[in-house]
Amino acid sequence: MKKIEAIIQPFKMDEVKDALMGIGIEGITISEVRGHGRQKGHKEVYRGQEYNVDLLPKVKMEMVVTAERSDEVVKVLTGAARTGKIGDGKIFVYEVAEAIRIRNGDRGDLAL
């Protein structure tokens, strides 16, 4: 099993979610987060005062999938989230040792 974590632009969330649901990925956790990568934020002017905005709003999507589907999920995520501009985000893929459904004790792929 693989855990896929994607940090994306907030305005792409619905498009990415719909693309994932289109390939049958239903178990997704979505969080609103703040951060920056290489772009290191930007400057804004408010009431004549300049401010450095270095923690930009992002959306973090997390899902656990079978190892066989991880490449497909990453491809769909990348395609749906890409704008081609700086700040599109990142995708991280982790190994998952075990998954357990609390309701009935299913383990492994059955728990997904």
PDB file of N, CA and C in Angstrom:
ATOM      1  N   MET A   1       0.841  -1.179   0.000  1.00  0.00           N
ATOM      2  CA  MET A   1       0.000   0.000   0.000  1.00  0.00           C
ATOM      3  C   MET A   1       0.884   1.239   0.000  1.00  0.00           C
ATOM      4  N   LYS A   2       0.353   2.303  -0.582  1.00  0.00           N
ATOM      5  CA  LYS A   2       1.083   3.569  -0.662  1.00  0.00           C
ATOM      6  C   LYS A   2       0.193   4.698  -0.160  1.00  0.00           C
ATOM      7  N   LYS A   3       0.819   5.614   0.576  1.00  0.00           N
ATOM      8  CA  LYS A   3       0.133   6.846   0.959  1.00  0.00           C
ATOM      9  C   LYS A   3       0.615   7.929   0.010  1.00  0.00           C
ATOM     10  N   ILE A   4      -0.317   8.601  -0.632  1.00  0.00           N
ATOM     11  CA  ILE A   4       0.007   9.676  -1.560  1.00  0.00           C
ATOM     12  C   ILE A   4      -0.479  10.975  -0.946  1.00  0.00           C
ATOM     13  N   GLU A   5       0.435  11.918  -0.836  1.00  0.00           N
ATOM     14  CA  GLU A   5       0.152  13.219  -0.233  1.00  0.00           C
ATOM     15  C   GLU A   5       0.459  14.276  -1.293  1.00  0.00           C
ATOM     16  N   ALA A   6      -0.499  15.099  -1.613  1.00  0.00           N
ATOM     17  CA  ALA A   6      -0.320  16.142  -2.628  1.00  0.00           C
ATOM     18  C   ALA A   6      -0.601  17.504  -2.022  1.00  0.00           C
ATOM     19  N   ILE A   7       0.322  18.440  -2.237  1.00  0.00           N
ATOM     20  CA  ILE A   7       0.138  19.834  -1.831  1.00  0.00           C
ATOM     21  C   ILE A   7      -0.140  20.596  -3.117  1.00  0.00           C
ATOM     22  N   ILE A   8      -1.338  21.178  -3.236  1.00  0.00           N
ATOM     23  CA  ILE A   8      -1.745  21.806  -4.495  1.00  0.00           C
ATOM     24  C   ILE A   8      -2.311  23.202  -4.257  1.00  0.00           C
ATOM     25  N   GLN A   9      -2.545  23.915  -5.358  1.00  0.00           N
ATOM     26  CA  GLN A   9      -3.184  25.230  -5.303  1.00  0.00           C
ATOM     27  C   GLN A   9      -4.658  25.053  -4.908  1.00  0.00           C
ATOM     28  N   PRO A  10      -5.181  25.921  -4.042  1.00  0.00           N
ATOM     29  CA  PRO A  10      -6.568  25.771  -3.599  1.00  0.00           C
ATOM     30  C   PRO A  10      -7.597  25.788  -4.729  1.00  0.00           C
ATOM     31  N   PHE A  11      -7.372  26.583  -5.764  1.00  0.00           N
ATOM     32  CA  PHE A  11      -8.370  26.679  -6.837  1.00  0.00           C
ATOM     33  C   PHE A  11      -8.405  25.426  -7.713  1.00  0.00           C
ATOM     34  N   LYS A  12      -7.455  24.512  -7.559  1.00  0.00           N
ATOM     35  CA  LYS A  12      -7.431  23.265  -8.320  1.00  0.00           C
ATOM     36  C   LYS A  12      -8.068  22.097  -7.565  1.00  0.00           C
ATOM     37  N   MET A  13      -8.480  22.321  -6.312  1.00  0.00           N
ATOM     38  CA  MET A  13      -8.974  21.238  -5.473  1.00  0.00           C
ATOM     39  C   MET A  13     -10.144  20.480  -6.091  1.00  0.00           C
ATOM     40  N   ASP A  14     -11.173  21.186  -6.542  1.00  0.00           N
ATOM     41  CA  ASP A  14     -12.352  20.506  -7.097  1.00  0.00           C
ATOM     42  C   ASP A  14     -12.004  19.712  -8.347  1.00  0.00           C
ATOM     43  N   GLU A  15     -11.165  20.273  -9.197  1.00  0.00           N
ATOM     44  CA  GLU A  15     -10.757  19.584 -10.425  1.00  0.00           C
ATOM     45  C   GLU A  15      -9.986  18.300 -10.098  1.00  0.00           C
ATOM     46  N   VAL A  16      -9.075  18.382  -9.133  1.00  0.00           N
ATOM     47  CA  VAL A  16      -8.288  17.210  -8.736  1.00  0.00           C
ATOM     48  C   VAL A  16      -9.194  16.170  -8.083  1.00  0.00           C
ATOM     49  N   LYS A  17     -10.072  16.609  -7.197  1.00  0.00           N
ATOM     50  CA  LYS A  17     -10.990  15.691  -6.516  1.00  0.00           C
ATOM     51  C   LYS A  17     -11.874  14.957  -7.524  1.00  0.00           C
ATOM     52  N   ASP A  18     -12.415  15.686  -8.500  1.00  0.00           N
ATOM     53  CA  ASP A  18     -13.255  15.070  -9.526  1.00  0.00           C
ATOM     54  C   ASP A  18     -12.469  14.075 -10.374  1.00  0.00           C
ATOM     55  N   ALA A  19     -11.219  14.413 -10.702  1.00  0.00           N
ATOM     56  CA  ALA A  19     -10.377  13.511 -11.491  1.00  0.00           C
ATOM     57  C   ALA A  19     -10.096  12.219 -10.720  1.00  0.00           C
ATOM     58  N   LEU A  20      -9.838  12.334  -9.417  1.00  0.00           N
ATOM     59  CA  LEU A  20      -9.584  11.149  -8.598  1.00  0.00           C
ATOM     60  C   LEU A  20     -10.845  10.298  -8.469  1.00  0.00           C
ATOM     61  N   MET A  21     -11.979  10.928  -8.261  1.00  0.00           N
ATOM     62  CA  MET A  21     -13.228  10.179  -8.168  1.00  0.00           C
ATOM     63  C   MET A  21     -13.547   9.505  -9.499  1.00  0.00           C
ATOM     64  N   GLY A  22     -13.131  10.130 -10.601  1.00  0.00           N
ATOM     65  CA  GLY A  22     -13.337   9.566 -11.928  1.00  0.00           C
ATOM     66  C   GLY A  22     -12.608   8.254 -12.148  1.00  0.00           C
ATOM     67  N   ILE A  23     -11.517   8.016 -11.412  1.00  0.00           N
ATOM     68  CA  ILE A  23     -10.800   6.736 -11.526  1.00  0.00           C
ATOM     69  C   ILE A  23     -11.086   5.820 -10.340  1.00  0.00           C
ATOM     70  N   GLY A  24     -12.079   6.188  -9.529  1.00  0.00           N
ATOM     71  CA  GLY A  24     -12.515   5.313  -8.445  1.00  0.00           C
ATOM     72  C   GLY A  24     -11.824   5.511  -7.117  1.00  0.00           C
ATOM     73  N   ILE A  25     -11.103   6.605  -6.939  1.00  0.00           N
ATOM     74  CA  ILE A  25     -10.472   6.894  -5.654  1.00  0.00           C
ATOM     75  C   ILE A  25     -11.464   7.705  -4.836  1.00  0.00           C
ATOM     76  N   GLU A  26     -11.972   7.107  -3.761  1.00  0.00           N
ATOM     77  CA  GLU A  26     -13.012   7.764  -2.976  1.00  0.00           C
ATOM     78  C   GLU A  26     -12.540   8.192  -1.600  1.00  0.00           C
ATOM     79  N   GLY A  27     -11.558   7.522  -1.035  1.00  0.00           N
ATOM     80  CA  GLY A  27     -11.076   7.845   0.302  1.00  0.00           C
ATOM     81  C   GLY A  27      -9.999   8.909   0.254  1.00  0.00           C
ATOM     82  N   ILE A  28     -10.393  10.164   0.472  1.00  0.00           N
ATOM     83  CA  ILE A  28      -9.457  11.281   0.396  1.00  0.00           C
ATOM     84  C   ILE A  28      -9.636  12.143   1.647  1.00  0.00           C
ATOM     85  N   THR A  29      -8.526  12.553   2.233  1.00  0.00           N
ATOM     86  CA  THR A  29      -8.554  13.514   3.329  1.00  0.00           C
ATOM     87  C   THR A  29      -7.998  14.826   2.802  1.00  0.00           C
ATOM     88  N   ILE A  30      -8.727  15.916   3.009  1.00  0.00           N
ATOM     89  CA  ILE A  30      -8.325  17.218   2.486  1.00  0.00           C
ATOM     90  C   ILE A  30      -8.174  18.198   3.648  1.00  0.00           C
ATOM     91  N   SER A  31      -7.031  18.900   3.666  1.00  0.00           N
ATOM     92  CA  SER A  31      -6.761  19.892   4.710  1.00  0.00           C
ATOM     93  C   SER A  31      -6.333  21.200   4.066  1.00  0.00           C
ATOM     94  N   GLU A  32      -6.752  22.306   4.673  1.00  0.00           N
ATOM     95  CA  GLU A  32      -6.241  23.608   4.246  1.00  0.00           C
ATOM     96  C   GLU A  32      -4.966  23.861   5.021  1.00  0.00           C
ATOM     97  N   VAL A  33      -3.881  24.128   4.297  1.00  0.00           N
ATOM     98  CA  VAL A  33      -2.580  24.349   4.931  1.00  0.00           C
ATOM     99  C   VAL A  33      -1.963  25.629   4.390  1.00  0.00           C
ATOM    100  N   ARG A  34      -0.853  26.047   4.984  1.00  0.00           N
ATOM    101  CA  ARG A  34      -0.122  27.227   4.531  1.00  0.00           C
ATOM    102  C   ARG A  34       1.347  26.864   4.452  1.00  0.00           C
ATOM    103  N   GLY A  35       2.038  27.417   3.468  1.00  0.00           N
ATOM    104  CA  GLY A  35       3.460  27.149   3.349  1.00  0.00           C
ATOM    105  C   GLY A  35       4.039  27.782   2.102  1.00  0.00           C
ATOM    106  N   HIS A  36       5.295  27.466   1.836  1.00  0.00           N
ATOM    107  CA  HIS A  36       5.929  27.944   0.615  1.00  0.00           C
ATOM    108  C   HIS A  36       7.046  27.002   0.230  1.00  0.00           C
ATOM    109  N   GLY A  37       7.375  27.029  -1.031  1.00  0.00           N
ATOM    110  CA  GLY A  37       8.489  26.261  -1.556  1.00  0.00           C
ATOM    111  C   GLY A  37       9.545  27.222  -2.046  1.00  0.00           C
ATOM    112  N   ARG A  38      10.039  26.993  -3.235  1.00  0.00           N
ATOM    113  CA  ARG A  38      11.079  27.842  -3.797  1.00  0.00           C
ATOM    114  C   ARG A  38      10.628  29.275  -4.024  1.00  0.00           C
ATOM    115  N   GLN A  39       9.324  29.473  -4.245  1.00  0.00           N
ATOM    116  CA  GLN A  39       8.836  30.823  -4.553  1.00  0.00           C
ATOM    117  C   GLN A  39       8.955  31.766  -3.357  1.00  0.00           C
ATOM    118  N   LYS A  40       8.969  31.231  -2.150  1.00  0.00           N
ATOM    119  CA  LYS A  40       9.146  31.995  -0.911  1.00  0.00           C
ATOM    120  C   LYS A  40       8.163  33.154  -0.743  1.00  0.00           C
ATOM    121  N   GLY A  41       6.962  33.005  -1.246  1.00  0.00           N
ATOM    122  CA  GLY A  41       5.931  34.011  -1.051  1.00  0.00           C
ATOM    123  C   GLY A  41       6.049  35.193  -2.000  1.00  0.00           C
ATOM    124  N   HIS A  42       5.402  36.281  -1.630  1.00  0.00           N
ATOM    125  CA  HIS A  42       5.408  37.487  -2.446  1.00  0.00           C
ATOM    126  C   HIS A  42       5.128  38.698  -1.550  1.00  0.00           C
ATOM    127  N   LYS A  43       5.270  39.882  -2.128  1.00  0.00           N
ATOM    128  CA  LYS A  43       5.003  41.123  -1.396  1.00  0.00           C
ATOM    129  C   LYS A  43       3.647  41.678  -1.824  1.00  0.00           C
ATOM    130  N   GLU A  44       2.918  42.220  -0.856  1.00  0.00           N
ATOM    131  CA  GLU A  44       1.645  42.877  -1.126  1.00  0.00           C
ATOM    132  C   GLU A  44       1.650  44.241  -0.452  1.00  0.00           C
ATOM    133  N   VAL A  45       0.870  45.154  -1.011  1.00  0.00           N
ATOM    134  CA  VAL A  45       0.744  46.490  -0.426  1.00  0.00           C
ATOM    135  C   VAL A  45      -0.678  46.630   0.108  1.00  0.00           C
ATOM    136  N   TYR A  46      -0.791  47.015   1.379  1.00  0.00           N
ATOM    137  CA  TYR A  46      -2.087  47.225   2.016  1.00  0.00           C
ATOM    138  C   TYR A  46      -2.041  48.558   2.731  1.00  0.00           C
ATOM    139  N   ARG A  47      -2.910  49.470   2.321  1.00  0.00           N
ATOM    140  CA  ARG A  47      -2.979  50.824   2.894  1.00  0.00           C
ATOM    141  C   ARG A  47      -1.618  51.518   2.898  1.00  0.00           C
ATOM    142  N   GLY A  48      -0.924  51.367   1.779  1.00  0.00           N
ATOM    143  CA  GLY A  48       0.349  52.037   1.602  1.00  0.00           C
ATOM    144  C   GLY A  48       1.532  51.366   2.280  1.00  0.00           C
ATOM    145  N   GLN A  49       1.285  50.292   2.997  1.00  0.00           N
ATOM    146  CA  GLN A  49       2.352  49.576   3.703  1.00  0.00           C
ATOM    147  C   GLN A  49       2.654  48.278   2.958  1.00  0.00           C
ATOM    148  N   GLU A  50       3.919  47.983   2.751  1.00  0.00           N
ATOM    149  CA  GLU A  50       4.311  46.758   2.056  1.00  0.00           C
ATOM    150  C   GLU A  50       4.477  45.612   3.051  1.00  0.00           C
ATOM    151  N   TYR A  51       3.878  44.459   2.725  1.00  0.00           N
ATOM    152  CA  TYR A  51       3.953  43.277   3.575  1.00  0.00           C
ATOM    153  C   TYR A  51       4.531  42.115   2.787  1.00  0.00           C
ATOM    154  N   ASN A  52       5.335  41.305   3.459  1.00  0.00           N
ATOM    155  CA  ASN A  52       5.867  40.096   2.849  1.00  0.00           C
ATOM    156  C   ASN A  52       4.949  38.937   3.226  1.00  0.00           C
ATOM    157  N   VAL A  53       4.275  38.343   2.245  1.00  0.00           N
ATOM    158  CA  VAL A  53       3.381  37.207   2.464  1.00  0.00           C
ATOM    159  C   VAL A  53       4.180  35.955   2.113  1.00  0.00           C
ATOM    160  N   ASP A  54       4.718  35.280   3.148  1.00  0.00           N
ATOM    161  CA  ASP A  54       5.597  34.154   2.875  1.00  0.00           C
ATOM    162  C   ASP A  54       4.971  32.790   3.134  1.00  0.00           C
ATOM    163  N   LEU A  55       3.803  32.739   3.752  1.00  0.00           N
ATOM    164  CA  LEU A  55       3.093  31.481   3.928  1.00  0.00           C
ATOM    165  C   LEU A  55       1.808  31.544   3.113  1.00  0.00           C
ATOM    166  N   LEU A  56       1.839  30.895   1.966  1.00  0.00           N
ATOM    167  CA  LEU A  56       0.730  30.955   1.013  1.00  0.00           C
ATOM    168  C   LEU A  56      -0.284  29.849   1.285  1.00  0.00           C
ATOM    169  N   PRO A  57      -1.572  30.116   1.037  1.00  0.00           N
ATOM    170  CA  PRO A  57      -2.582  29.076   1.250  1.00  0.00           C
ATOM    171  C   PRO A  57      -2.444  27.963   0.217  1.00  0.00           C
ATOM    172  N   LYS A  58      -2.500  26.732   0.687  1.00  0.00           N
ATOM    173  CA  LYS A  58      -2.430  25.536  -0.158  1.00  0.00           C
ATOM    174  C   LYS A  58      -3.460  24.540   0.350  1.00  0.00           C
ATOM    175  N   VAL A  59      -3.669  23.477  -0.414  1.00  0.00           N
ATOM    176  CA  VAL A  59      -4.545  22.385  -0.005  1.00  0.00           C
ATOM    177  C   VAL A  59      -3.708  21.109   0.006  1.00  0.00           C
ATOM    178  N   LYS A  60      -3.833  20.340   1.089  1.00  0.00           N
ATOM    179  CA  LYS A  60      -3.141  19.051   1.168  1.00  0.00           C
ATOM    180  C   LYS A  60      -4.169  17.941   1.035  1.00  0.00           C
ATOM    181  N   MET A  61      -3.943  17.061   0.056  1.00  0.00           N
ATOM    182  CA  MET A  61      -4.825  15.916  -0.170  1.00  0.00           C
ATOM    183  C   MET A  61      -4.033  14.662   0.171  1.00  0.00           C
ATOM    184  N   GLU A  62      -4.637  13.788   0.970  1.00  0.00           N
ATOM    185  CA  GLU A  62      -3.977  12.551   1.372  1.00  0.00           C
ATOM    186  C   GLU A  62      -4.886  11.380   1.048  1.00  0.00           C
ATOM    187  N   MET A  63      -4.298  10.301   0.545  1.00  0.00           N
ATOM    188  CA  MET A  63      -5.046   9.091   0.258  1.00  0.00           C
ATOM    189  C   MET A  63      -4.124   7.890   0.350  1.00  0.00           C
ATOM    190  N   VAL A  64      -4.656   6.746   0.714  1.00  0.00           N
ATOM    191  CA  VAL A  64      -3.908   5.494   0.724  1.00  0.00           C
ATOM    192  C   VAL A  64      -4.527   4.600  -0.335  1.00  0.00           C
ATOM    193  N   VAL A  65      -3.671   4.071  -1.216  1.00  0.00           N
ATOM    194  CA  VAL A  65      -4.126   3.241  -2.327  1.00  0.00           C
ATOM    195  C   VAL A  65      -3.289   1.965  -2.375  1.00  0.00           C
ATOM    196  N   THR A  66      -3.753   0.993  -3.135  1.00  0.00           N
ATOM    197  CA  THR A  66      -2.951  -0.210  -3.333  1.00  0.00           C
ATOM    198  C   THR A  66      -1.703   0.164  -4.124  1.00  0.00           C
ATOM    199  N   ALA A  67      -0.647  -0.592  -3.938  1.00  0.00           N
ATOM    200  CA  ALA A  67       0.625  -0.307  -4.619  1.00  0.00           C
ATOM    201  C   ALA A  67       0.455  -0.324  -6.132  1.00  0.00           C
ATOM    202  N   GLU A  68      -0.420  -1.174  -6.633  1.00  0.00           N
ATOM    203  CA  GLU A  68      -0.635  -1.283  -8.078  1.00  0.00           C
ATOM    204  C   GLU A  68      -1.249  -0.021  -8.672  1.00  0.00           C
ATOM    205  N   ARG A  69      -2.006   0.718  -7.896  1.00  0.00           N
ATOM    206  CA  ARG A  69      -2.700   1.913  -8.411  1.00  0.00           C
ATOM    207  C   ARG A  69      -1.933   3.203  -8.187  1.00  0.00           C
ATOM    208  N   SER A  70      -0.829   3.166  -7.460  1.00  0.00           N
ATOM    209  CA  SER A  70      -0.149   4.405  -7.076  1.00  0.00           C
ATOM    210  C   SER A  70       0.342   5.205  -8.285  1.00  0.00           C
ATOM    211  N   ASP A  71       0.904   4.555  -9.292  1.00  0.00           N
ATOM    212  CA  ASP A  71       1.383   5.291 -10.471  1.00  0.00           C
ATOM    213  C   ASP A  71       0.228   5.966 -11.214  1.00  0.00           C
ATOM    214  N   GLU A  72      -0.892   5.267 -11.329  1.00  0.00           N
ATOM    215  CA  GLU A  72      -2.080   5.831 -11.986  1.00  0.00           C
ATOM    216  C   GLU A  72      -2.583   7.060 -11.227  1.00  0.00           C
ATOM    217  N   VAL A  73      -2.637   6.967  -9.900  1.00  0.00           N
ATOM    218  CA  VAL A  73      -3.120   8.078  -9.070  1.00  0.00           C
ATOM    219  C   VAL A  73      -2.195   9.275  -9.207  1.00  0.00           C
ATOM    220  N   VAL A  74      -0.881   9.041  -9.170  1.00  0.00           N
ATOM    221  CA  VAL A  74       0.081  10.134  -9.306  1.00  0.00           C
ATOM    222  C   VAL A  74      -0.062  10.808 -10.671  1.00  0.00           C
ATOM    223  N   LYS A  75      -0.264  10.020 -11.715  1.00  0.00           N
ATOM    224  CA  LYS A  75      -0.431  10.576 -13.067  1.00  0.00           C
ATOM    225  C   LYS A  75      -1.685  11.450 -13.148  1.00  0.00           C
ATOM    226  N   VAL A  76      -2.794  10.987 -12.582  1.00  0.00           N
ATOM    227  CA  VAL A  76      -4.044  11.751 -12.597  1.00  0.00           C
ATOM    228  C   VAL A  76      -3.908  13.020 -11.755  1.00  0.00           C
ATOM    229  N   LEU A  77      -3.298  12.885 -10.572  1.00  0.00           N
ATOM    230  CA  LEU A  77      -3.071  14.051  -9.706  1.00  0.00           C
ATOM    231  C   LEU A  77      -2.243  15.111 -10.422  1.00  0.00           C
ATOM    232  N   THR A  78      -1.144  14.682 -11.020  1.00  0.00           N
ATOM    233  CA  THR A  78      -0.252  15.607 -11.724  1.00  0.00           C
ATOM    234  C   THR A  78      -0.980  16.315 -12.856  1.00  0.00           C
ATOM    235  N   GLY A  79      -1.715  15.573 -13.641  1.00  0.00           N
ATOM    236  CA  GLY A  79      -2.429  16.157 -14.773  1.00  0.00           C
ATOM    237  C   GLY A  79      -3.493  17.156 -14.359  1.00  0.00           C
ATOM    238  N   ALA A  80      -4.227  16.838 -13.298  1.00  0.00           N
ATOM    239  CA  ALA A  80      -5.323  17.708 -12.871  1.00  0.00           C
ATOM    240  C   ALA A  80      -4.835  18.938 -12.115  1.00  0.00           C
ATOM    241  N   ALA A  81      -3.702  18.837 -11.415  1.00  0.00           N
ATOM    242  CA  ALA A  81      -3.229  19.948 -10.584  1.00  0.00           C
ATOM    243  C   ALA A  81      -2.299  20.901 -11.326  1.00  0.00           C
ATOM    244  N   ARG A  82      -1.763  20.491 -12.464  1.00  0.00           N
ATOM    245  CA  ARG A  82      -0.752  21.295 -13.154  1.00  0.00           C
ATOM    246  C   ARG A  82      -1.348  22.514 -13.852  1.00  0.00           C
ATOM    247  N   THR A  83      -0.713  23.676 -13.616  1.00  0.00           N
ATOM    248  CA  THR A  83      -1.037  24.896 -14.364  1.00  0.00           C
ATOM    249  C   THR A  83       0.151  25.298 -15.231  1.00  0.00           C
ATOM    250  N   GLY A  84       1.328  24.770 -14.905  1.00  0.00           N
ATOM    251  CA  GLY A  84       2.535  25.127 -15.623  1.00  0.00           C
ATOM    252  C   GLY A  84       3.252  26.331 -15.051  1.00  0.00           C
ATOM    253  N   LYS A  85       2.725  26.858 -13.953  1.00  0.00           N
ATOM    254  CA  LYS A  85       3.323  28.037 -13.326  1.00  0.00           C
ATOM    255  C   LYS A  85       3.954  27.645 -11.990  1.00  0.00           C
ATOM    256  N   ILE A  86       4.839  28.497 -11.511  1.00  0.00           N
ATOM    257  CA  ILE A  86       5.480  28.249 -10.225  1.00  0.00           C
ATOM    258  C   ILE A  86       4.422  28.167  -9.128  1.00  0.00           C
ATOM    259  N   GLY A  87       4.617  27.236  -8.189  1.00  0.00           N
ATOM    260  CA  GLY A  87       3.678  27.086  -7.081  1.00  0.00           C
ATOM    261  C   GLY A  87       2.617  26.037  -7.299  1.00  0.00           C
ATOM    262  N   ASP A  88       2.750  25.217  -8.353  1.00  0.00           N
ATOM    263  CA  ASP A  88       1.759  24.160  -8.602  1.00  0.00           C
ATOM    264  C   ASP A  88       1.693  23.147  -7.467  1.00  0.00           C
ATOM    265  N   GLY A  89       2.808  22.912  -6.779  1.00  0.00           N
ATOM    266  CA  GLY A  89       2.791  22.026  -5.627  1.00  0.00           C
ATOM    267  C   GLY A  89       3.729  20.848  -5.755  1.00  0.00           C
ATOM    268  N   LYS A  90       3.527  19.875  -4.865  1.00  0.00           N
ATOM    269  CA  LYS A  90       4.363  18.678  -4.801  1.00  0.00           C
ATOM    270  C   LYS A  90       3.496  17.470  -4.501  1.00  0.00           C
ATOM    271  N   ILE A  91       4.005  16.292  -4.885  1.00  0.00           N
ATOM    272  CA  ILE A  91       3.368  15.022  -4.539  1.00  0.00           C
ATOM    273  C   ILE A  91       4.421  14.171  -3.838  1.00  0.00           C
ATOM    274  N   PHE A  92       4.042  13.577  -2.706  1.00  0.00           N
ATOM    275  CA  PHE A  92       4.922  12.693  -1.961  1.00  0.00           C
ATOM    276  C   PHE A  92       4.268  11.321  -1.885  1.00  0.00           C
ATOM    277  N   VAL A  93       5.058  10.268  -2.033  1.00  0.00           N
ATOM    278  CA  VAL A  93       4.550   8.898  -1.980  1.00  0.00           C
ATOM    279  C   VAL A  93       5.306   8.155  -0.881  1.00  0.00           C
ATOM    280  N   TYR A  94       4.558   7.560   0.038  1.00  0.00           N
ATOM    281  CA  TYR A  94       5.132   6.835   1.178  1.00  0.00           C
ATOM    282  C   TYR A  94       4.663   5.385   1.164  1.00  0.00           C
ATOM    283  N   GLU A  95       5.475   4.506   1.731  1.00  0.00           N
ATOM    284  CA  GLU A  95       5.073   3.122   1.970  1.00  0.00           C
ATOM    285  C   GLU A  95       4.172   3.084   3.207  1.00  0.00           C
ATOM    286  N   VAL A  96       3.128   2.267   3.162  1.00  0.00           N
ATOM    287  CA  VAL A  96       2.243   2.080   4.311  1.00  0.00           C
ATOM    288  C   VAL A  96       2.376   0.632   4.762  1.00  0.00           C
ATOM    289  N   ALA A  97       2.734   0.435   6.005  1.00  0.00           N
ATOM    290  CA  ALA A  97       2.953  -0.913   6.527  1.00  0.00           C
ATOM    291  C   ALA A  97       1.642  -1.659   6.765  1.00  0.00           C
ATOM    292  N   GLU A  98       0.628  -0.966   7.241  1.00  0.00           N
ATOM    293  CA  GLU A  98      -0.619  -1.635   7.597  1.00  0.00           C
ATOM    294  C   GLU A  98      -1.769  -0.638   7.587  1.00  0.00           C
ATOM    295  N   ALA A  99      -2.948  -1.128   7.230  1.00  0.00           N
ATOM    296  CA  ALA A  99      -4.182  -0.351   7.331  1.00  0.00           C
ATOM    297  C   ALA A  99      -5.225  -1.235   8.003  1.00  0.00           C
ATOM    298  N   ILE A 100      -5.966  -0.665   8.924  1.00  0.00           N
ATOM    299  CA  ILE A 100      -6.971  -1.434   9.664  1.00  0.00           C
ATOM    300  C   ILE A 100      -8.261  -0.628   9.696  1.00  0.00           C
ATOM    301  N   ARG A 101      -9.342  -1.243   9.255  1.00  0.00           N
ATOM    302  CA  ARG A 101     -10.657  -0.592   9.353  1.00  0.00           C
ATOM    303  C   ARG A 101     -11.165  -0.799  10.767  1.00  0.00           C
ATOM    304  N   ILE A 102     -11.441   0.279  11.455  1.00  0.00           N
ATOM    305  CA  ILE A 102     -11.840   0.217  12.861  1.00  0.00           C
ATOM    306  C   ILE A 102     -13.176  -0.509  13.031  1.00  0.00           C
ATOM    307  N   ARG A 103     -14.125  -0.258  12.127  1.00  0.00           N
ATOM    308  CA  ARG A 103     -15.480  -0.813  12.265  1.00  0.00           C
ATOM    309  C   ARG A 103     -15.495  -2.322  12.390  1.00  0.00           C
ATOM    310  N   ASN A 104     -14.741  -3.029  11.527  1.00  0.00           N
ATOM    311  CA  ASN A 104     -14.834  -4.489  11.533  1.00  0.00           C
ATOM    312  C   ASN A 104     -13.497  -5.223  11.580  1.00  0.00           C
ATOM    313  N   GLY A 105     -12.386  -4.476  11.664  1.00  0.00           N
ATOM    314  CA  GLY A 105     -11.084  -5.119  11.791  1.00  0.00           C
ATOM    315  C   GLY A 105     -10.443  -5.564  10.495  1.00  0.00           C
ATOM    316  N   ASP A 106     -11.053  -5.218   9.329  1.00  0.00           N
ATOM    317  CA  ASP A 106     -10.410  -5.562   8.051  1.00  0.00           C
ATOM    318  C   ASP A 106      -9.004  -5.006   8.031  1.00  0.00           C
ATOM    319  N   ARG A 107      -8.069  -5.762   7.410  1.00  0.00           N
ATOM    320  CA  ARG A 107      -6.673  -5.343   7.361  1.00  0.00           C
ATOM    321  C   ARG A 107      -6.173  -5.324   5.925  1.00  0.00           C
ATOM    322  N   GLY A 108      -5.113  -4.534   5.725  1.00  0.00           N
ATOM    323  CA  GLY A 108      -4.462  -4.471   4.419  1.00  0.00           C
ATOM    324  C   GLY A 108      -5.353  -3.819   3.360  1.00  0.00           C
ATOM    325  N   ASP A 109      -5.285  -4.345   2.134  1.00  0.00           N
ATOM    326  CA  ASP A 109      -6.057  -3.793   1.026  1.00  0.00           C
ATOM    327  C   ASP A 109      -7.563  -3.835   1.280  1.00  0.00           C
ATOM    328  N   LEU A 110      -8.025  -4.813   2.057  1.00  0.00           N
ATOM    329  CA  LEU A 110      -9.464  -4.898   2.378  1.00  0.00           C
ATOM    330  C   LEU A 110      -9.929  -3.681   3.178  1.00  0.00           C
ATOM    331  N   ALA A 111      -9.035  -3.089   3.949  1.00  0.00           N
ATOM    332  CA  ALA A 111      -9.391  -1.932   4.780  1.00  0.00           C
ATOM    333  C   ALA A 111      -9.553  -0.664   3.962  1.00  0.00           C
ATOM    334  N   LEU A 112      -9.046  -0.658   2.744  1.00  0.00           N
ATOM    335  CA  LEU A 112      -9.149   0.546   1.914  1.00  0.00           C
ATOM    336  C   LEU A 112     -10.523   0.622   1.315  1.00  0.00           C
TER     337      LEU A 112
END
